[in-house]
Protein backbone atom coordinates (compact mmCIF):
# COMPACT_ATOMS: atom_id res chain seq x y z
CA MET A 1 -47.69 -16.63 81.13
CA ARG A 2 -49.25 -18.90 78.54
CA PHE A 3 -48.39 -16.41 75.76
CA VAL A 4 -44.71 -16.44 76.77
CA VAL A 5 -44.56 -20.25 76.78
CA LEU A 6 -46.27 -20.48 73.39
CA HIS A 7 -44.02 -17.76 71.98
CA LEU A 8 -40.87 -19.55 73.17
CA ARG A 9 -42.05 -22.90 71.80
CA SER A 10 -42.97 -21.36 68.44
CA ARG A 11 -39.41 -20.08 68.12
CA ARG A 12 -37.88 -23.42 69.15
CA VAL A 13 -36.23 -21.87 72.21
CA PRO A 14 -36.26 -25.06 74.36
CA VAL A 15 -34.37 -26.97 71.64
CA ALA A 16 -31.91 -24.10 71.21
CA LEU A 17 -31.27 -23.93 74.96
CA ALA A 18 -30.69 -27.68 75.16
CA THR A 19 -28.31 -27.50 72.22
CA ALA A 20 -26.43 -24.57 73.74
CA ALA A 21 -26.08 -26.35 77.07
CA GLY A 22 -24.88 -29.52 75.33
CA VAL A 23 -22.29 -27.60 73.30
CA THR A 24 -21.01 -25.90 76.44
CA VAL A 25 -20.67 -29.19 78.30
CA LEU A 26 -18.90 -30.78 75.33
CA MET A 27 -16.40 -27.92 74.92
CA TRP A 28 -15.83 -27.79 78.69
CA THR A 29 -15.14 -31.52 78.74
CA VAL A 30 -12.62 -31.25 75.91
CA VAL A 31 -10.74 -28.43 77.64
CA ALA A 32 -10.88 -30.10 81.05
CA ALA A 33 -9.60 -33.39 79.65
CA PHE A 34 -6.91 -32.24 77.23
CA ALA A 35 -5.75 -28.72 78.08
CA GLU A 36 -2.53 -28.21 79.98
CA SER A 37 -3.93 -25.17 81.78
CA ARG A 38 -7.20 -24.51 83.58
CA ASP A 39 -7.81 -21.53 81.32
CA ALA A 40 -9.13 -22.30 77.85
CA ASP A 41 -7.17 -20.98 74.90
CA LEU A 42 -8.50 -17.79 73.27
CA THR A 43 -9.45 -19.78 70.17
CA MET A 44 -11.55 -22.20 72.23
CA VAL A 45 -13.35 -19.33 73.96
CA VAL A 46 -14.17 -17.66 70.64
CA LEU A 47 -15.34 -20.95 69.12
CA LEU A 48 -17.57 -21.70 72.12
CA VAL A 49 -19.22 -18.29 71.90
CA LEU A 50 -19.64 -18.74 68.14
CA LEU A 51 -21.27 -22.15 68.57
CA LEU A 52 -23.65 -20.77 71.19
CA VAL A 53 -24.67 -17.93 68.88
CA VAL A 54 -25.21 -20.42 66.04
CA ALA A 55 -27.37 -22.54 68.37
CA LEU A 56 -29.54 -19.57 69.36
CA ALA A 57 -29.74 -17.86 65.94
CA PRO A 58 -32.69 -19.90 64.56
CA THR A 59 -34.86 -18.58 67.40
CA PHE A 60 -34.87 -15.14 65.78
CA GLY A 61 -37.91 -16.11 63.72
CA GLY A 62 -41.00 -18.21 64.12
CA ALA A 63 -42.81 -20.57 61.80
CA ASP A 64 -44.50 -17.69 59.97
CA ASP A 65 -42.33 -14.63 59.35
CA ALA A 66 -45.25 -12.63 57.93
CA LEU A 67 -47.21 -13.03 61.17
CA GLU A 68 -44.96 -10.58 63.00
CA ARG A 69 -45.54 -7.95 60.34
CA THR A 70 -49.34 -8.11 60.50
CA SER A 71 -49.85 -8.52 64.23
CA SER A 72 -51.15 -5.75 66.43
CA LEU A 73 -48.37 -6.43 68.94
CA ARG A 74 -45.39 -4.10 69.16
CA TRP A 75 -42.61 -6.36 67.96
CA PRO A 76 -39.49 -4.15 68.14
CA PRO A 77 -39.32 -4.21 71.98
CA ARG A 78 -39.98 -7.96 72.01
CA ARG A 79 -37.23 -8.58 69.46
CA ALA A 80 -34.79 -6.45 71.46
CA VAL A 81 -35.63 -8.36 74.65
CA HIS A 82 -35.19 -11.63 72.75
CA LEU A 83 -31.66 -10.62 71.72
CA LEU A 84 -30.77 -9.42 75.21
CA ALA A 85 -32.08 -12.68 76.67
CA GLY A 86 -29.86 -14.56 74.22
CA LEU A 87 -26.89 -12.53 75.42
CA VAL A 88 -27.73 -13.37 79.04
CA VAL A 89 -28.00 -17.09 78.20
CA ILE A 90 -24.61 -17.11 76.48
CA LEU A 91 -22.97 -15.18 79.31
CA ALA A 92 -24.48 -17.49 81.92
CA LEU A 93 -23.41 -20.67 80.13
CA VAL A 94 -19.85 -19.50 79.49
CA LEU A 95 -19.15 -17.60 82.69
CA VAL A 96 -20.33 -20.40 84.97
CA THR A 97 -17.19 -22.22 83.81
CA LEU A 98 -15.04 -19.63 85.62
CA VAL A 99 -15.65 -21.50 88.89
CA THR A 100 -14.89 -24.94 87.44
CA ALA A 101 -11.82 -26.94 86.44
CA ALA A 102 -11.82 -25.53 82.89
CA ARG A 103 -12.37 -21.79 82.60
CA PHE A 104 -13.59 -19.95 79.51
CA GLY A 105 -12.81 -16.29 79.92
CA PRO A 106 -12.08 -13.56 80.69
CA ALA A 107 -15.60 -12.21 81.14
CA VAL A 108 -14.89 -9.05 79.11
CA LEU A 109 -13.86 -11.14 76.11
CA VAL A 110 -16.96 -13.31 76.37
CA LEU A 111 -19.23 -10.25 76.65
CA ARG A 112 -17.57 -8.52 73.69
CA ASP A 113 -17.70 -11.54 71.39
CA ALA A 114 -21.19 -12.62 72.45
CA ALA A 115 -22.64 -9.14 71.88
CA GLY A 116 -20.90 -8.70 68.54
CA LEU A 117 -21.71 -12.15 67.20
CA LEU A 118 -25.34 -11.90 68.32
CA GLY A 119 -25.48 -8.57 66.51
CA LEU A 120 -24.14 -10.25 63.38
CA ALA A 121 -26.69 -13.05 63.72
CA ALA A 122 -29.49 -10.51 64.19
CA LEU A 123 -28.32 -8.65 61.10
CA GLY A 124 -28.26 -11.96 59.28
CA ALA A 125 -31.84 -12.64 60.38
CA ALA A 126 -32.96 -9.24 59.09
CA VAL A 127 -31.21 -9.69 55.74
CA LEU A 128 -31.19 -13.46 55.10
CA GLY A 129 -33.94 -14.76 57.39
CA ALA A 130 -33.81 -16.55 60.72
CA GLY A 131 -32.92 -19.91 59.19
CA ARG A 132 -29.74 -18.47 57.65
CA SER A 133 -28.93 -15.93 60.34
CA TRP A 134 -25.90 -17.91 61.49
CA PHE A 135 -24.12 -17.43 58.13
CA LEU A 136 -22.77 -13.97 59.00
CA PRO A 137 -21.19 -14.75 62.38
CA LEU A 138 -19.75 -18.01 61.09
CA SER A 139 -18.31 -16.56 57.87
CA TRP A 140 -16.66 -13.65 59.71
CA THR A 141 -15.39 -15.57 62.73
CA LEU A 142 -13.82 -18.67 61.18
CA PRO A 143 -11.31 -16.70 59.06
CA ALA A 144 -10.54 -14.49 62.08
CA VAL A 145 -9.80 -17.59 64.17
CA LEU A 146 -7.84 -19.42 61.47
CA PHE A 147 -5.79 -16.36 60.48
CA PRO A 148 -5.50 -14.22 63.63
CA PHE A 149 -3.94 -10.81 63.33
CA GLY A 150 -1.64 -9.65 66.09
CA GLY A 151 -0.38 -6.44 64.53
CA THR A 152 -1.16 -2.84 65.38
CA ALA A 153 -2.92 -1.94 62.11
CA VAL A 154 -6.47 -0.87 62.85
CA ALA A 155 -7.91 -2.53 59.73
CA GLY A 156 -6.50 -5.91 60.74
CA GLN A 157 -7.86 -5.56 64.26
CA VAL A 158 -11.28 -4.63 62.91
CA LEU A 159 -11.37 -7.62 60.56
CA THR A 160 -10.30 -10.04 63.32
CA TRP A 161 -12.03 -8.40 66.28
CA GLN A 162 -13.32 -11.74 67.59
CA SER A 163 -9.83 -13.13 68.16
CA GLN A 164 -8.23 -9.96 69.52
CA PRO A 165 -7.12 -9.83 73.17
CA HIS A 166 -9.78 -8.85 75.68
CA ASP A 167 -8.24 -5.40 76.25
CA SER A 168 -8.29 -4.37 72.56
CA ARG A 169 -10.18 -1.10 72.27
CA THR A 170 -10.54 -1.45 68.50
CA ALA A 171 -12.13 -4.88 68.88
CA ALA A 172 -14.49 -3.60 71.56
CA VAL A 173 -15.63 -0.68 69.39
CA THR A 174 -16.10 -2.95 66.37
CA ALA A 175 -18.14 -5.44 68.39
CA ALA A 176 -20.27 -2.63 69.85
CA VAL A 177 -20.98 -1.16 66.41
CA VAL A 178 -21.88 -4.57 64.98
CA ALA A 179 -24.10 -5.31 67.99
CA VAL A 180 -25.98 -2.00 67.74
CA VAL A 181 -26.45 -2.24 63.96
CA GLY A 182 -27.68 -5.83 64.23
CA LEU A 183 -30.00 -5.06 67.12
CA GLY A 184 -31.45 -2.05 65.31
CA ALA A 185 -31.97 -3.88 62.02
CA TYR A 186 -33.55 -6.92 63.63
CA ALA A 187 -35.70 -5.03 66.13
CA LEU A 188 -37.10 -2.65 63.55
CA ARG A 189 -37.36 -4.95 60.54
CA GLY A 190 -37.68 -8.42 61.98
CA PRO A 191 -36.60 -11.56 60.16
CA ALA A 192 -36.57 -11.41 56.38
CA LEU A 193 -39.59 -13.00 54.80
CA ARG A 194 -39.09 -16.44 53.31
CA ALA A 195 -40.34 -17.13 49.83
CA ALA A 196 -43.65 -18.99 49.75
CA ALA A 197 -43.23 -22.69 49.10
């Protein structure tokens, strides 16, 4: 048990969880106070999921990236569990709102976007390092939210998969591919090594 606590503290998980909870409460308050409907707009749901991924992304690496490469522990399963735990945290924080005055949903949309954006963040950690892992989900999602695509062209739906309706098959496949690629890259490679100071 002590190893788990030390591992979580070394990756700043308590701070990330507090930040994620605070972001959820803030977004919920905004929707509850100003929205005309109980259901949050699609854009608000996507932005909430994005902000939660950004809050959890720095936990993909510890203080010493090289330590994971030299340790005798098997890191790929631990990294995969870390990502899955992040997915569970995001789902729990967002889906608990479904029983409140301001609802962020539907659940399928939240699951699709959370899995895909966590995959992007994991890919970012493997390529850019844990400190910059949030660049990929942010840089792909903000244009998709600002310039949503409602047409039937597959390329447009792939590029804006985050803001597609929850029943979009193309968006679901794109999110699944991104999630699997990110999970595989991060689990096998780990966070990119930072240059020595």
